[in-house]
Amino acid sequence: MQWHYAKDGESVGPLEVAEFDALVASGEVSAATLVWRPDLAEWTPYGKLVPAAPAPQAGAETPPAKETACSVCGNVFAEDDMITHQGAYVCAGCKPEFFQRLKEGAELPGIMNYAGFWIRFVAKFVDGIILGAVNMVVSVASAALGLAASAAGSEKAMFAVQAVLFLVQIAIQAAYTVFFLGRFGATPGKMACRLKVVRASGDPIGYGRAFGRYFAELLSGMPTLCIGYLMIAFDDEKRGLHDRICDTRVIRRG
């Protein structure tokens, strides 16, 4: 359908719909401009052909625009005034720097760089060496106590020593994991590999979630071919079973 509009007492047209809409957007055609098209009996002000916006109800307030922080500079802006890239918001002032870094392949602020299976395996191996050294000290002390109990001919004492040793080793491993993850977001092994455990939002996990993640990780390591760990290699966000349970992500630090 083609449009005509009146300008300085003369008819301008015919115009295709796209051309006419562009004139409306630019302000060339206003609500008071007389327009005509084949389905109209006469020239009509354009405003009469456009549905009026509903009048705001008395006392109604316009909801405030949602705001968020720019992933580059950290200042807060309305989300409608920012661009997004893979969930990261970037303000207009930081947009050139952001896309320059994207073009160069540099690390981008606000974008999570998920750690894959093998780097996490190395971090776990390092933690295993540290915990193994600590447990060896505990084992030596336990063996000394066990020999003393054996020399005294007390089988109950030997059993108690072994039970205490097992509980102490579990407590050390749990305390090691929970403390470092809750305080620093990474165990020493992950620190050495420049990894960090965060929430899906990028926030720290805290001690409570670190505690739950420790026990959830026991499920990943159960003797079912460690499938909970193998999930890391195939998940889009490199999550293991324990990451899914506790809504955590393991990322590379810049």
C-alpha atoms as a PDB file:
ATOM      1  CA  MET A   1       0.000   0.000   0.000  1.00  0.00           C
ATOM      2  CA  GLN A   2       1.362   3.418  -0.971  1.00  0.00           C
ATOM      3  CA  TRP A   3       1.144   6.660   0.975  1.00  0.00           C
ATOM      4  CA  HIS A   4       0.882  10.339   0.062  1.00  0.00           C
ATOM      5  CA  TYR A   5       1.357  13.261   2.425  1.00  0.00           C
ATOM      6  CA  ALA A   6       0.837  16.998   2.123  1.00  0.00           C
ATOM      7  CA  LYS A   7       3.816  19.337   2.308  1.00  0.00           C
ATOM      8  CA  ASP A   8       3.576  23.105   1.671  1.00  0.00           C
ATOM      9  CA  GLY A   9       0.158  22.585   0.109  1.00  0.00           C
ATOM     10  CA  GLU A  10       1.405  19.965  -2.341  1.00  0.00           C
ATOM     11  CA  SER A  11       1.051  16.198  -2.436  1.00  0.00           C
ATOM     12  CA  VAL A  12       4.222  14.150  -1.990  1.00  0.00           C
ATOM     13  CA  GLY A  13       4.081  10.547  -3.113  1.00  0.00           C
ATOM     14  CA  PRO A  14       3.420   7.829  -3.793  1.00  0.00           C
ATOM     15  CA  LEU A  15       5.682   6.344  -1.107  1.00  0.00           C
ATOM     16  CA  GLU A  16       6.246   2.734  -0.128  1.00  0.00           C
ATOM     17  CA  VAL A  17       5.476   1.770   3.449  1.00  0.00           C
ATOM     18  CA  ALA A  18       9.153   1.621   4.450  1.00  0.00           C
ATOM     19  CA  GLU A  19       9.821   5.095   3.019  1.00  0.00           C
ATOM     20  CA  PHE A  20       6.779   6.533   4.749  1.00  0.00           C
ATOM     21  CA  ASP A  21       7.701   4.933   8.107  1.00  0.00           C
ATOM     22  CA  ALA A  22      11.166   6.480   7.833  1.00  0.00           C
ATOM     23  CA  LEU A  23       9.601   9.928   7.376  1.00  0.00           C
ATOM     24  CA  VAL A  24       7.427   9.347  10.439  1.00  0.00           C
ATOM     25  CA  ALA A  25      10.469   8.294  12.478  1.00  0.00           C
ATOM     26  CA  SER A  26      12.401  11.394  11.373  1.00  0.00           C
ATOM     27  CA  GLY A  27       9.526  13.729  12.258  1.00  0.00           C
ATOM     28  CA  GLU A  28       8.924  14.819   8.658  1.00  0.00           C
ATOM     29  CA  VAL A  29       5.416  13.361   8.996  1.00  0.00           C
ATOM     30  CA  SER A  30       3.778  14.337  12.279  1.00  0.00           C
ATOM     31  CA  ALA A  31       0.401  13.627  13.816  1.00  0.00           C
ATOM     32  CA  ALA A  32      -0.976  16.825  12.211  1.00  0.00           C
ATOM     33  CA  THR A  33       0.298  16.055   8.701  1.00  0.00           C
ATOM     34  CA  LEU A  34      -2.461  15.307   6.185  1.00  0.00           C
ATOM     35  CA  VAL A  35      -1.988  11.917   4.563  1.00  0.00           C
ATOM     36  CA  TRP A  36      -3.826   9.818   2.043  1.00  0.00           C
ATOM     37  CA  ARG A  37      -3.758   6.261   0.785  1.00  0.00           C
ATOM     38  CA  PRO A  38      -6.131   4.338  -1.523  1.00  0.00           C
ATOM     39  CA  ASP A  39      -8.278   2.958   1.290  1.00  0.00           C
ATOM     40  CA  LEU A  40      -9.044   6.451   2.702  1.00  0.00           C
ATOM     41  CA  ALA A  41     -12.020   8.442   1.414  1.00  0.00           C
ATOM     42  CA  GLU A  42     -10.236  11.761   2.014  1.00  0.00           C
ATOM     43  CA  TRP A  43      -7.060  13.363   3.290  1.00  0.00           C
ATOM     44  CA  THR A  44      -6.762  12.687   7.026  1.00  0.00           C
ATOM     45  CA  PRO A  45      -4.386  13.882   9.771  1.00  0.00           C
ATOM     46  CA  TYR A  46      -1.896  11.076  10.357  1.00  0.00           C
ATOM     47  CA  GLY A  47      -2.522  11.202  14.103  1.00  0.00           C
ATOM     48  CA  LYS A  48      -6.085   9.958  13.591  1.00  0.00           C
ATOM     49  CA  LEU A  49      -4.792   6.815  11.899  1.00  0.00           C
ATOM     50  CA  VAL A  50      -2.352   5.891  14.666  1.00  0.00           C
ATOM     51  CA  PRO A  51      -3.750   4.238  17.834  1.00  0.00           C
ATOM     52  CA  ALA A  52      -3.234   6.558  20.779  1.00  0.00           C
ATOM     53  CA  ALA A  53      -1.036   5.323  23.578  1.00  0.00           C
ATOM     54  CA  PRO A  54      -3.073   4.448  26.694  1.00  0.00           C
ATOM     55  CA  ALA A  55      -3.152   7.272  29.200  1.00  0.00           C
ATOM     56  CA  PRO A  56      -1.345   6.473  32.451  1.00  0.00           C
ATOM     57  CA  GLN A  57      -3.651   5.690  35.342  1.00  0.00           C
ATOM     58  CA  ALA A  58      -3.929   8.241  38.086  1.00  0.00           C
ATOM     59  CA  GLY A  59      -1.310   7.704  40.711  1.00  0.00           C
ATOM     60  CA  ALA A  60       0.547   5.132  38.601  1.00  0.00           C
ATOM     61  CA  GLU A  61       4.302   5.441  38.619  1.00  0.00           C
ATOM     62  CA  THR A  62       6.637   4.519  35.822  1.00  0.00           C
ATOM     63  CA  PRO A  63       8.787   1.622  37.020  1.00  0.00           C
ATOM     64  CA  PRO A  64      12.438   2.611  37.345  1.00  0.00           C
ATOM     65  CA  ALA A  65      14.792   1.323  34.693  1.00  0.00           C
ATOM     66  CA  LYS A  66      16.757  -1.733  35.759  1.00  0.00           C
ATOM     67  CA  GLU A  67      20.366  -0.868  36.464  1.00  0.00           C
ATOM     68  CA  THR A  68      23.543  -2.911  36.549  1.00  0.00           C
ATOM     69  CA  ALA A  69      27.282  -2.368  36.738  1.00  0.00           C
ATOM     70  CA  CYS A  70      29.462  -2.081  33.660  1.00  0.00           C
ATOM     71  CA  SER A  71      31.784  -5.094  33.551  1.00  0.00           C
ATOM     72  CA  VAL A  72      34.693  -2.863  32.483  1.00  0.00           C
ATOM     73  CA  CYS A  73      34.561   0.314  34.598  1.00  0.00           C
ATOM     74  CA  GLY A  74      32.221  -0.905  37.351  1.00  0.00           C
ATOM     75  CA  ASN A  75      29.938   2.157  37.203  1.00  0.00           C
ATOM     76  CA  VAL A  76      26.180   1.613  37.307  1.00  0.00           C
ATOM     77  CA  PHE A  77      23.965   2.431  34.314  1.00  0.00           C
ATOM     78  CA  ALA A  78      20.477   1.578  33.072  1.00  0.00           C
ATOM     79  CA  GLU A  79      20.584  -1.766  31.267  1.00  0.00           C
ATOM     80  CA  ASP A  80      18.719  -0.256  28.299  1.00  0.00           C
ATOM     81  CA  ASP A  81      21.656   2.134  27.758  1.00  0.00           C
ATOM     82  CA  MET A  82      24.240  -0.654  27.670  1.00  0.00           C
ATOM     83  CA  ILE A  83      25.233  -3.451  25.333  1.00  0.00           C
ATOM     84  CA  THR A  84      25.575  -7.081  26.351  1.00  0.00           C
ATOM     85  CA  HIS A  85      28.046  -9.731  25.287  1.00  0.00           C
ATOM     86  CA  GLN A  86      27.784 -13.254  26.703  1.00  0.00           C
ATOM     87  CA  GLY A  87      25.966 -11.925  29.756  1.00  0.00           C
ATOM     88  CA  ALA A  88      28.403  -9.056  30.431  1.00  0.00           C
ATOM     89  CA  TYR A  89      27.059  -5.485  30.358  1.00  0.00           C
ATOM     90  CA  VAL A  90      29.228  -2.745  28.858  1.00  0.00           C
ATOM     91  CA  CYS A  91      28.503   0.987  28.999  1.00  0.00           C
ATOM     92  CA  ALA A  92      28.788   3.255  25.961  1.00  0.00           C
ATOM     93  CA  GLY A  93      32.049   4.789  27.201  1.00  0.00           C
ATOM     94  CA  CYS A  94      33.766   1.415  27.586  1.00  0.00           C
ATOM     95  CA  LYS A  95      32.386  -0.138  24.412  1.00  0.00           C
ATOM     96  CA  PRO A  96      35.393   0.769  22.172  1.00  0.00           C
ATOM     97  CA  GLU A  97      37.889  -0.680  24.668  1.00  0.00           C
ATOM     98  CA  PHE A  98      35.765  -3.805  25.176  1.00  0.00           C
ATOM     99  CA  PHE A  99      35.463  -4.615  21.482  1.00  0.00           C
ATOM    100  CA  GLN A 100      39.119  -3.830  20.866  1.00  0.00           C
ATOM    101  CA  ARG A 101      40.043  -6.419  23.478  1.00  0.00           C
ATOM    102  CA  LEU A 102      37.546  -8.823  21.925  1.00  0.00           C
ATOM    103  CA  LYS A 103      39.135  -8.280  18.504  1.00  0.00           C
ATOM    104  CA  GLU A 104      42.616  -8.897  19.897  1.00  0.00           C
ATOM    105  CA  GLY A 105      41.511 -12.058  21.681  1.00  0.00           C
ATOM    106  CA  ALA A 106      42.442 -10.628  25.087  1.00  0.00           C
ATOM    107  CA  GLU A 107      40.693 -11.653  28.304  1.00  0.00           C
ATOM    108  CA  LEU A 108      37.363  -9.879  28.640  1.00  0.00           C
ATOM    109  CA  PRO A 109      36.075  -8.489  31.952  1.00  0.00           C
ATOM    110  CA  GLY A 110      32.766  -9.980  33.076  1.00  0.00           C
ATOM    111  CA  ILE A 111      33.174 -13.028  30.785  1.00  0.00           C
ATOM    112  CA  MET A 112      33.778 -16.337  32.551  1.00  0.00           C
ATOM    113  CA  ASN A 113      36.638 -18.392  31.166  1.00  0.00           C
ATOM    114  CA  TYR A 114      35.690 -21.870  32.363  1.00  0.00           C
ATOM    115  CA  ALA A 115      38.457 -24.244  33.419  1.00  0.00           C
ATOM    116  CA  GLY A 116      38.518 -27.542  31.555  1.00  0.00           C
ATOM    117  CA  PHE A 117      38.986 -31.118  32.719  1.00  0.00           C
ATOM    118  CA  TRP A 118      42.769 -31.424  32.530  1.00  0.00           C
ATOM    119  CA  ILE A 119      43.720 -28.187  34.300  1.00  0.00           C
ATOM    120  CA  ARG A 120      41.295 -29.105  37.065  1.00  0.00           C
ATOM    121  CA  PHE A 121      42.851 -32.565  37.214  1.00  0.00           C
ATOM    122  CA  VAL A 122      46.278 -30.985  37.733  1.00  0.00           C
ATOM    123  CA  ALA A 123      44.895 -28.741  40.499  1.00  0.00           C
ATOM    124  CA  LYS A 124      43.323 -31.772  42.184  1.00  0.00           C
ATOM    125  CA  PHE A 125      46.608 -33.661  41.898  1.00  0.00           C
ATOM    126  CA  VAL A 126      48.497 -30.822  43.627  1.00  0.00           C
ATOM    127  CA  ASP A 127      45.931 -30.732  46.435  1.00  0.00           C
ATOM    128  CA  GLY A 128      46.301 -34.519  46.730  1.00  0.00           C
ATOM    129  CA  ILE A 129      50.055 -34.201  47.230  1.00  0.00           C
ATOM    130  CA  ILE A 130      49.581 -31.589  49.981  1.00  0.00           C
ATOM    131  CA  LEU A 131      46.897 -33.584  51.772  1.00  0.00           C
ATOM    132  CA  GLY A 132      48.912 -36.772  51.347  1.00  0.00           C
ATOM    133  CA  ALA A 133      51.867 -35.194  53.139  1.00  0.00           C
ATOM    134  CA  VAL A 134      49.638 -34.062  56.014  1.00  0.00           C
ATOM    135  CA  ASN A 135      47.946 -37.453  56.273  1.00  0.00           C
ATOM    136  CA  MET A 136      51.349 -39.156  56.334  1.00  0.00           C
ATOM    137  CA  VAL A 137      52.248 -37.220  59.464  1.00  0.00           C
ATOM    138  CA  VAL A 138      48.940 -38.226  61.034  1.00  0.00           C
ATOM    139  CA  SER A 139      49.499 -41.829  59.993  1.00  0.00           C
ATOM    140  CA  VAL A 140      52.951 -41.926  61.570  1.00  0.00           C
ATOM    141  CA  ALA A 141      51.559 -40.611  64.829  1.00  0.00           C
ATOM    142  CA  SER A 142      48.696 -43.087  64.627  1.00  0.00           C
ATOM    143  CA  ALA A 143      51.076 -45.963  63.939  1.00  0.00           C
ATOM    144  CA  ALA A 144      53.075 -45.077  67.030  1.00  0.00           C
ATOM    145  CA  LEU A 145      49.897 -45.120  69.115  1.00  0.00           C
ATOM    146  CA  GLY A 146      48.846 -48.394  67.507  1.00  0.00           C
ATOM    147  CA  LEU A 147      52.156 -50.050  68.344  1.00  0.00           C
ATOM    148  CA  ALA A 148      51.822 -48.894  71.905  1.00  0.00           C
ATOM    149  CA  ALA A 149      48.303 -50.334  72.100  1.00  0.00           C
ATOM    150  CA  SER A 150      49.464 -53.576  70.485  1.00  0.00           C
ATOM    151  CA  ALA A 151      52.291 -53.890  72.969  1.00  0.00           C
ATOM    152  CA  ALA A 152      49.771 -53.491  75.738  1.00  0.00           C
ATOM    153  CA  GLY A 153      47.712 -56.305  74.167  1.00  0.00           C
ATOM    154  CA  SER A 154      44.603 -54.158  73.739  1.00  0.00           C
ATOM    155  CA  GLU A 155      42.774 -54.930  70.466  1.00  0.00           C
ATOM    156  CA  LYS A 156      40.006 -52.458  71.344  1.00  0.00           C
ATOM    157  CA  ALA A 157      42.554 -49.702  71.691  1.00  0.00           C
ATOM    158  CA  MET A 158      44.031 -50.529  68.278  1.00  0.00           C
ATOM    159  CA  PHE A 159      40.566 -50.413  66.683  1.00  0.00           C
ATOM    160  CA  ALA A 160      39.865 -47.079  68.363  1.00  0.00           C
ATOM    161  CA  VAL A 161      43.145 -45.651  67.071  1.00  0.00           C
ATOM    162  CA  GLN A 162      42.292 -46.702  63.489  1.00  0.00           C
ATOM    163  CA  ALA A 163      38.796 -45.185  63.759  1.00  0.00           C
ATOM    164  CA  VAL A 164      40.167 -41.930  65.116  1.00  0.00           C
ATOM    165  CA  LEU A 165      42.775 -41.846  62.335  1.00  0.00           C
ATOM    166  CA  PHE A 166      40.063 -42.209  59.696  1.00  0.00           C
ATOM    167  CA  LEU A 167      37.941 -39.434  61.229  1.00  0.00           C
ATOM    168  CA  VAL A 168      40.938 -37.120  61.606  1.00  0.00           C
ATOM    169  CA  GLN A 169      41.886 -37.594  57.952  1.00  0.00           C
ATOM    170  CA  ILE A 170      38.323 -36.816  56.821  1.00  0.00           C
ATOM    171  CA  ALA A 171      38.219 -33.750  59.085  1.00  0.00           C
ATOM    172  CA  ILE A 172      41.564 -32.471  57.760  1.00  0.00           C
ATOM    173  CA  GLN A 173      40.474 -32.875  54.146  1.00  0.00           C
ATOM    174  CA  ALA A 174      37.114 -31.189  54.807  1.00  0.00           C
ATOM    175  CA  ALA A 175      38.679 -28.324  56.768  1.00  0.00           C
ATOM    176  CA  TYR A 176      41.334 -27.833  54.081  1.00  0.00           C
ATOM    177  CA  THR A 177      38.774 -27.619  51.284  1.00  0.00           C
ATOM    178  CA  VAL A 178      36.139 -25.567  53.113  1.00  0.00           C
ATOM    179  CA  PHE A 179      38.583 -23.031  54.537  1.00  0.00           C
ATOM    180  CA  PHE A 180      40.424 -22.282  51.320  1.00  0.00           C
ATOM    181  CA  LEU A 181      37.334 -22.256  49.105  1.00  0.00           C
ATOM    182  CA  GLY A 182      35.349 -20.165  51.584  1.00  0.00           C
ATOM    183  CA  ARG A 183      38.170 -17.693  52.250  1.00  0.00           C
ATOM    184  CA  PHE A 184      39.970 -17.471  48.909  1.00  0.00           C
ATOM    185  CA  GLY A 185      37.671 -19.205  46.428  1.00  0.00           C
ATOM    186  CA  ALA A 186      40.455 -21.679  45.626  1.00  0.00           C
ATOM    187  CA  THR A 187      42.456 -24.424  47.293  1.00  0.00           C
ATOM    188  CA  PRO A 188      46.268 -24.223  47.051  1.00  0.00           C
ATOM    189  CA  GLY A 189      46.141 -26.571  44.049  1.00  0.00           C
ATOM    190  CA  LYS A 190      43.672 -24.315  42.267  1.00  0.00           C
ATOM    191  CA  MET A 191      45.698 -21.252  43.235  1.00  0.00           C
ATOM    192  CA  ALA A 192      48.779 -22.822  41.657  1.00  0.00           C
ATOM    193  CA  CYS A 193      46.782 -23.376  38.448  1.00  0.00           C
ATOM    194  CA  ARG A 194      45.199 -19.914  38.648  1.00  0.00           C
ATOM    195  CA  LEU A 195      41.678 -21.271  39.062  1.00  0.00           C
ATOM    196  CA  LYS A 196      38.810 -20.039  41.199  1.00  0.00           C
ATOM    197  CA  VAL A 197      35.425 -21.421  42.276  1.00  0.00           C
ATOM    198  CA  VAL A 198      32.548 -18.945  41.960  1.00  0.00           C
ATOM    199  CA  ARG A 199      28.767 -18.807  41.811  1.00  0.00           C
ATOM    200  CA  ALA A 200      26.986 -18.702  38.445  1.00  0.00           C
ATOM    201  CA  SER A 201      26.825 -14.908  38.879  1.00  0.00           C
ATOM    202  CA  GLY A 202      30.587 -14.705  39.464  1.00  0.00           C
ATOM    203  CA  ASP A 203      30.174 -14.004  43.211  1.00  0.00           C
ATOM    204  CA  PRO A 204      32.255 -15.823  45.884  1.00  0.00           C
ATOM    205  CA  ILE A 205      30.778 -19.095  47.140  1.00  0.00           C
ATOM    206  CA  GLY A 206      31.268 -18.518  50.889  1.00  0.00           C
ATOM    207  CA  TYR A 207      31.909 -21.090  53.606  1.00  0.00           C
ATOM    208  CA  GLY A 208      28.421 -22.627  53.603  1.00  0.00           C
ATOM    209  CA  ARG A 209      28.440 -23.466  49.905  1.00  0.00           C
ATOM    210  CA  ALA A 210      32.079 -24.592  50.160  1.00  0.00           C
ATOM    211  CA  PHE A 211      31.021 -27.041  52.899  1.00  0.00           C
ATOM    212  CA  GLY A 212      28.183 -28.407  50.771  1.00  0.00           C
ATOM    213  CA  ARG A 213      30.431 -28.598  47.704  1.00  0.00           C
ATOM    214  CA  TYR A 214      32.958 -30.722  49.593  1.00  0.00           C
ATOM    215  CA  PHE A 215      30.378 -33.397  50.356  1.00  0.00           C
ATOM    216  CA  ALA A 216      28.820 -33.105  46.891  1.00  0.00           C
ATOM    217  CA  GLU A 217      32.261 -33.796  45.442  1.00  0.00           C
ATOM    218  CA  LEU A 218      32.304 -37.115  47.287  1.00  0.00           C
ATOM    219  CA  LEU A 219      29.448 -38.148  44.987  1.00  0.00           C
ATOM    220  CA  SER A 220      31.519 -37.175  41.935  1.00  0.00           C
ATOM    221  CA  GLY A 221      34.344 -39.394  43.149  1.00  0.00           C
ATOM    222  CA  MET A 222      32.229 -42.440  43.970  1.00  0.00           C
ATOM    223  CA  PRO A 223      33.423 -45.669  42.329  1.00  0.00           C
ATOM    224  CA  THR A 224      31.128 -45.279  39.292  1.00  0.00           C
ATOM    225  CA  LEU A 225      34.119 -44.580  37.014  1.00  0.00           C
ATOM    226  CA  CYS A 226      34.191 -41.094  38.560  1.00  0.00           C
ATOM    227  CA  ILE A 227      31.493 -40.057  36.099  1.00  0.00           C
ATOM    228  CA  GLY A 228      30.804 -36.943  38.170  1.00  0.00           C
ATOM    229  CA  TYR A 229      34.272 -35.688  37.253  1.00  0.00           C
ATOM    230  CA  LEU A 230      34.090 -36.873  33.642  1.00  0.00           C
ATOM    231  CA  MET A 231      31.042 -34.651  33.151  1.00  0.00           C
ATOM    232  CA  ILE A 232      33.454 -31.696  33.184  1.00  0.00           C
ATOM    233  CA  ALA A 233      34.838 -32.684  29.795  1.00  0.00           C
ATOM    234  CA  PHE A 234      31.406 -32.619  28.124  1.00  0.00           C
ATOM    235  CA  ASP A 235      29.544 -29.815  29.891  1.00  0.00           C
ATOM    236  CA  ASP A 236      29.226 -26.424  28.149  1.00  0.00           C
ATOM    237  CA  GLU A 237      30.284 -24.643  31.344  1.00  0.00           C
ATOM    238  CA  LYS A 238      32.790 -27.349  32.398  1.00  0.00           C
ATOM    239  CA  ARG A 239      30.710 -28.337  35.415  1.00  0.00           C
ATOM    240  CA  GLY A 240      31.159 -31.557  37.343  1.00  0.00           C
ATOM    241  CA  LEU A 241      28.330 -33.239  39.230  1.00  0.00           C
ATOM    242  CA  HIS A 242      29.258 -31.340  42.399  1.00  0.00           C
ATOM    243  CA  ASP A 243      29.244 -28.036  40.477  1.00  0.00           C
ATOM    244  CA  ARG A 244      25.730 -28.768  39.231  1.00  0.00           C
ATOM    245  CA  ILE A 245      24.495 -29.689  42.707  1.00  0.00           C
ATOM    246  CA  CYS A 246      25.932 -26.539  44.328  1.00  0.00           C
ATOM    247  CA  ASP A 247      25.524 -24.162  41.344  1.00  0.00           C
ATOM    248  CA  THR A 248      29.237 -23.378  41.147  1.00  0.00           C
ATOM    249  CA  ARG A 249      31.662 -22.765  38.284  1.00  0.00           C
ATOM    250  CA  VAL A 250      35.434 -23.183  38.127  1.00  0.00           C
ATOM    251  CA  ILE A 251      37.021 -20.382  36.122  1.00  0.00           C
ATOM    252  CA  ARG A 252      40.479 -19.286  35.086  1.00  0.00           C
ATOM    253  CA  ARG A 253      41.721 -16.147  36.785  1.00  0.00           C
ATOM    254  CA  GLY A 254      43.245 -13.374  34.694  1.00  0.00           C
END
